[in-house]
Amino acid sequence: MSVELLDGSTVLSFVEDEEAFNGLIHDRFSNLDTNHDGFLSYSEILKEFQSMRVFETHFGIDVKRDPDEFAHVYDSLFVKFDHDANGAVDLEEFKMETKSMMLAMANGLGVLPVQMVLEEDSFLKKAVEREAMKMNA
C-alpha cells in the first residue's frame, strides 16, 4: 500500500489511454480467469471483490457484517458485470463495467486532489503511476 495524491483527471486520463487501460484490463482478466476458459465465473470474480475489502472494513478497521448482506452485495455486483445474464463475465463485459466504475470514480473525485491509500496492484495505483511517468518524461 502507498499514499498517493490524485484527482478525477488522473483516473479519466488513464481510462482514455486505450492502450494502457486495455492492457491492464486484459492482464487483470487473465489473472482472475483461473481455469483459462475465457470467462469469469461467479467464484473467480468473487475473489477479486473480496480482496478489495471494501465492505469488510470501515476506515481501515475490520467490522463484522451479516454474511447474507455480503452475499447480496456480491451477487448484485456480479449481475452488474454479467451484462448478458449468461452466468459468466467475458472480457468485453469486464472491460465495459470496469470502465464505467472508473469513470464514476473520476467523476466523484472531481478536480481537487485528494490523498488516498492505494493497493499496489489496484487500477487507481496504475493510473497514478501512469500520470507520474508522463510528468517525468
Protein backbone atom coordinates (compact mmCIF):
# COMPACT_ATOMS: atom_id res chain seq x y z
CA MET A 1 0.00 0.00 0.00
CA SER A 2 1.03 3.56 -0.57
CA VAL A 3 -0.41 7.02 -0.02
CA GLU A 4 -0.96 8.83 -3.30
CA LEU A 5 -2.33 12.15 -4.46
CA LEU A 6 -4.87 12.02 -7.29
CA ASP A 7 -7.90 13.69 -8.76
CA GLY A 8 -10.55 12.85 -11.32
CA SER A 9 -8.36 13.85 -14.26
CA THR A 10 -5.75 11.25 -13.22
CA VAL A 11 -8.34 8.49 -13.50
CA LEU A 12 -10.03 9.90 -16.61
CA SER A 13 -6.73 10.23 -18.44
CA PHE A 14 -5.88 6.61 -17.61
CA VAL A 15 -9.23 5.30 -18.84
CA GLU A 16 -8.95 7.33 -22.04
CA ASP A 17 -5.49 5.88 -22.77
CA GLU A 18 -6.85 2.79 -24.51
CA GLU A 19 -3.51 1.03 -24.76
CA ALA A 20 -2.72 1.37 -21.05
CA PHE A 21 -6.27 0.73 -19.83
CA ASN A 22 -6.96 -2.22 -22.14
CA GLY A 23 -3.59 -3.75 -21.27
CA LEU A 24 -4.38 -3.62 -17.57
CA ILE A 25 -7.90 -4.96 -18.15
CA HIS A 26 -6.55 -7.88 -20.15
CA ASP A 27 -3.89 -8.67 -17.53
CA ARG A 28 -6.36 -8.49 -14.65
CA PHE A 29 -8.93 -10.60 -16.52
CA SER A 30 -6.28 -13.24 -17.33
CA ASN A 31 -5.20 -13.40 -13.69
CA LEU A 32 -8.78 -13.79 -12.49
CA ASP A 33 -9.66 -16.43 -15.11
CA THR A 34 -8.04 -19.25 -13.16
CA ASN A 35 -9.45 -22.05 -15.33
CA HIS A 36 -8.49 -20.17 -18.54
CA ASP A 37 -11.85 -20.67 -20.24
CA GLY A 38 -12.13 -17.03 -21.35
CA PHE A 39 -14.90 -16.24 -18.85
CA LEU A 40 -15.04 -15.19 -15.22
CA SER A 41 -17.36 -17.33 -13.14
CA TYR A 42 -19.00 -16.01 -10.01
CA SER A 43 -16.39 -17.73 -7.83
CA GLU A 44 -13.50 -16.31 -9.87
CA ILE A 45 -14.74 -12.73 -9.71
CA LEU A 46 -15.86 -13.13 -6.09
CA LYS A 47 -12.21 -13.50 -5.06
CA GLU A 48 -11.49 -10.09 -6.63
CA PHE A 49 -14.46 -8.46 -4.88
CA GLN A 50 -13.40 -9.93 -1.55
CA SER A 51 -9.76 -8.92 -1.98
CA MET A 52 -10.81 -5.26 -2.18
CA ARG A 53 -12.19 -5.49 1.37
CA VAL A 54 -14.49 -2.54 0.68
CA PHE A 55 -17.37 -3.97 2.71
CA GLU A 56 -15.31 -5.70 5.39
CA THR A 57 -13.71 -2.53 6.73
CA HIS A 58 -14.76 0.91 7.84
CA PHE A 59 -11.91 3.40 7.50
CA GLY A 60 -9.44 0.50 7.59
CA ILE A 61 -10.89 -1.17 10.67
CA ASP A 62 -12.44 -4.60 10.32
CA VAL A 63 -16.15 -4.71 11.03
CA LYS A 64 -18.39 -7.71 11.44
CA ARG A 65 -21.23 -7.77 8.95
CA ASP A 66 -24.01 -10.20 8.26
CA PRO A 67 -22.81 -12.86 5.75
CA ASP A 68 -26.17 -12.61 3.97
CA GLU A 69 -25.54 -8.91 3.44
CA PHE A 70 -22.17 -9.73 1.83
CA ALA A 71 -23.76 -12.34 -0.40
CA HIS A 72 -26.43 -9.89 -1.55
CA VAL A 73 -23.85 -7.17 -2.35
CA TYR A 74 -21.56 -9.57 -4.20
CA ASP A 75 -24.49 -11.06 -6.14
CA SER A 76 -25.57 -7.55 -7.16
CA LEU A 77 -22.04 -6.67 -8.29
CA PHE A 78 -21.79 -9.83 -10.36
CA VAL A 79 -25.08 -9.01 -12.10
CA LYS A 80 -23.68 -5.57 -12.99
CA PHE A 81 -20.72 -7.23 -14.73
CA ASP A 82 -22.70 -10.02 -16.40
CA HIS A 83 -24.46 -7.83 -18.99
CA ASP A 84 -25.94 -10.71 -20.99
CA ALA A 85 -27.01 -12.62 -17.84
CA ASN A 86 -25.42 -15.87 -19.00
CA GLY A 87 -23.80 -16.59 -15.63
CA ALA A 88 -20.28 -15.64 -16.72
CA VAL A 89 -18.38 -12.44 -17.43
CA ASP A 90 -16.42 -12.22 -20.69
CA LEU A 91 -13.52 -9.86 -21.34
CA GLU A 92 -15.67 -7.22 -23.03
CA GLU A 93 -18.20 -7.19 -20.18
CA PHE A 94 -15.37 -6.94 -17.66
CA LYS A 95 -13.81 -4.04 -19.58
CA MET A 96 -17.10 -2.17 -20.01
CA GLU A 97 -18.13 -2.41 -16.36
CA THR A 98 -14.66 -1.64 -15.03
CA LYS A 99 -14.50 1.39 -17.31
CA SER A 100 -17.91 2.53 -16.10
CA MET A 101 -16.81 2.18 -12.48
CA MET A 102 -13.55 4.03 -13.12
CA LEU A 103 -15.38 6.90 -14.84
CA ALA A 104 -17.77 7.10 -11.90
CA MET A 105 -14.78 7.31 -9.54
CA ALA A 106 -13.22 10.04 -11.70
CA ASN A 107 -16.47 11.99 -11.59
CA GLY A 108 -16.75 11.54 -7.84
CA LEU A 109 -13.17 12.64 -7.21
CA GLY A 110 -13.66 15.86 -9.15
CA VAL A 111 -10.89 18.38 -9.80
CA LEU A 112 -9.46 18.86 -6.32
CA PRO A 113 -6.62 16.47 -5.43
CA VAL A 114 -7.20 14.02 -2.61
CA GLN A 115 -4.82 11.79 -0.73
CA MET A 116 -5.71 8.10 -0.80
CA VAL A 117 -4.19 4.87 0.42
CA LEU A 118 -3.95 2.61 -2.63
CA GLU A 119 -3.20 -1.08 -3.01
CA GLU A 120 -0.10 -1.66 -5.13
CA ASP A 121 -1.91 -3.62 -7.85
CA SER A 122 -5.08 -1.52 -7.98
CA PHE A 123 -6.44 0.27 -11.02
CA LEU A 124 -6.14 3.61 -9.22
CA LYS A 125 -2.48 2.95 -8.37
CA LYS A 126 -1.81 2.15 -12.03
CA ALA A 127 -3.50 5.43 -13.02
CA VAL A 128 -1.26 7.37 -10.60
CA GLU A 129 1.86 5.57 -11.87
CA ARG A 130 0.94 6.37 -15.47
CA GLU A 131 0.47 10.05 -14.65
CA ALA A 132 3.80 10.17 -12.80
CA MET A 133 5.56 8.63 -15.82
CA LYS A 134 4.00 11.25 -18.10
CA MET A 135 5.13 14.07 -15.81
CA ASN A 136 8.68 12.71 -15.59
CA ALA A 137 9.01 12.29 -19.36
